[in-house]
Protein backbone atom coordinates (compact mmCIF):
# COMPACT_ATOMS: atom_id res chain seq x y z
CA ALA A 1 119.45 0.90 -70.47
CA GLU A 2 115.95 2.11 -71.04
CA TYR A 3 113.16 2.81 -68.59
CA LYS A 4 109.54 2.98 -69.76
CA SER A 5 107.02 4.39 -67.32
CA ASP A 6 104.20 2.08 -66.27
CA ARG A 7 101.73 4.92 -66.85
CA TYR A 8 100.39 5.95 -70.23
CA ILE A 9 99.88 9.67 -70.71
CA TRP A 10 97.57 9.32 -73.73
CA ARG A 11 96.45 6.44 -76.01
CA GLY A 12 99.48 4.17 -75.79
CA ILE A 13 102.02 6.98 -75.34
CA ARG A 14 104.30 6.67 -72.32
CA PRO A 15 107.35 8.57 -71.07
CA GLN A 16 110.73 6.89 -71.22
CA ALA A 17 114.34 7.50 -70.25
CA THR A 18 117.37 6.16 -72.13
CA PHE A 19 120.99 5.84 -71.07
CA LEU A 20 123.98 4.60 -73.07
CA LEU A 21 127.62 4.22 -72.00
CA THR A 22 130.38 2.87 -74.27
CA ASP A 23 133.76 1.26 -73.60
CA TYR A 24 135.32 4.58 -74.65
CA GLY A 25 133.55 6.59 -71.96
CA SER A 26 131.13 8.16 -74.46
CA GLY A 27 127.45 8.14 -73.71
CA TYR A 28 124.13 9.89 -73.53
CA ILE A 29 121.13 10.31 -71.32
CA GLY A 30 117.74 11.35 -72.62
CA PHE A 31 114.05 11.57 -71.94
CA GLY A 32 111.31 11.15 -74.49
CA LEU A 33 108.13 9.36 -75.52
CA GLY A 34 107.27 5.96 -76.95
CA TRP A 35 104.00 5.05 -78.68
CA GLU A 36 102.93 1.43 -78.27
CA PHE A 37 100.84 -0.27 -80.95
CA TYR A 38 99.60 -3.80 -80.26
CA LEU A 39 99.65 -5.60 -83.60
CA SER A 40 98.22 -8.70 -81.89
CA ARG A 41 97.71 -9.86 -78.31
CA HIS A 42 101.46 -10.34 -77.81
CA ILE A 43 103.23 -8.39 -80.60
CA LEU A 44 103.99 -4.67 -80.23
CA LEU A 45 105.43 -2.05 -82.54
CA ILE A 46 106.91 0.87 -80.61
CA PRO A 47 108.27 3.97 -82.34
CA ASN A 48 109.96 6.34 -79.90
CA PHE A 49 111.90 9.58 -79.85
CA SER A 50 114.18 11.17 -77.25
CA PRO A 51 116.33 14.29 -77.20
CA VAL A 52 119.59 13.29 -75.48
CA ILE A 53 122.60 14.94 -73.91
CA TYR A 54 125.77 13.38 -75.34
CA TRP A 55 129.31 13.35 -74.01
CA ARG A 56 132.25 12.28 -76.14
CA GLY A 57 134.67 10.63 -73.73
CA LYS A 58 137.36 9.06 -75.96
CA GLY A 59 134.80 7.99 -78.58
CA ARG A 60 133.43 9.45 -81.80
CA ASP A 61 132.83 13.19 -82.07
CA LEU A 62 129.12 13.52 -82.89
CA GLY A 63 129.48 17.29 -83.28
CA CYS A 64 127.17 18.57 -80.56
CA PRO A 65 126.18 17.79 -76.97
CA VAL A 66 122.52 17.86 -78.03
CA GLU A 67 121.54 14.82 -80.10
CA PHE A 68 118.27 13.12 -81.00
CA ARG A 69 117.52 9.40 -80.76
CA SER A 70 114.81 8.00 -83.02
CA CYS A 71 113.95 4.34 -82.66
CA ILE A 72 111.59 1.60 -83.80
CA GLU A 73 111.10 -1.52 -81.70
CA LEU A 74 109.32 -4.78 -82.44
CA ALA A 75 108.61 -6.78 -79.28
CA TYR A 76 106.88 -9.91 -78.04
CA GLU A 77 105.11 -9.50 -74.69
CA THR A 78 104.32 -12.56 -72.55
CA ASP A 79 101.26 -12.86 -70.32
CA ASN A 80 103.32 -11.73 -67.30
CA ARG A 81 104.48 -8.58 -69.24
CA LEU A 82 108.04 -9.75 -69.96
CA ARG A 83 109.12 -8.34 -73.33
CA LEU A 84 111.65 -9.65 -75.84
CA GLY A 85 112.38 -7.48 -78.82
CA LEU A 86 114.60 -5.87 -81.42
CA GLN A 87 115.31 -2.16 -81.66
CA VAL A 88 116.80 -0.19 -84.53
CA PHE A 89 117.78 3.33 -83.60
CA HIS A 90 119.58 6.34 -85.04
CA VAL A 91 121.29 9.11 -83.08
CA SER A 92 122.23 12.41 -84.73
CA ASN A 93 122.04 16.15 -84.08
CA ALA A 94 119.70 16.95 -86.99
CA ASN A 95 122.32 19.28 -88.50
CA ILE A 96 122.21 21.80 -85.64
CA SER A 97 126.03 21.51 -85.73
CA ASP A 98 128.50 21.70 -88.63
CA ARG A 99 129.52 18.12 -87.80
CA ASN A 100 126.79 15.44 -87.83
CA PRO A 101 128.12 11.91 -88.41
CA GLY A 102 125.42 10.24 -86.29
CA PHE A 103 125.30 6.50 -85.70
CA ASN A 104 122.92 3.58 -86.08
CA ALA A 105 122.45 0.52 -83.88
CA LEU A 106 120.54 -2.74 -83.81
CA THR A 107 119.89 -4.07 -80.29
CA PHE A 108 118.19 -7.06 -78.72
CA THR A 109 116.01 -6.05 -75.77
CA ILE A 110 114.69 -7.76 -72.68
CA GLY A 111 112.14 -5.77 -70.71
CA PHE A 112 110.57 -6.72 -67.42
CA PRO A 113 108.06 -4.99 -65.15
CA LEU A 114 109.40 -3.47 -61.93
CA TYR A 115 106.50 -4.52 -59.71
């Protein structure tokens, strides 16, 4: 799940929160920033970054409870602000731990305004 604030803090940059939970009880929660670039009236490119707090559960040992999520999203936004997109993201601890396997993901996104 991902929440993007409806308020921009500066030139297309808005706060966001991310949450992930796996079948193995692993997960993370994080807060960061996304920068929205309109490539056309309906197409957006959104790089974003979030430090996250990770817990292992019965899943993969990522080496550290502090991880970093970097992401790029390409989305189509309709006139009523519904968004359909693809995200590619990477989570790792940037070598602040001796163990840093990280992981990558490709996700399909559906975003809708909460108003």
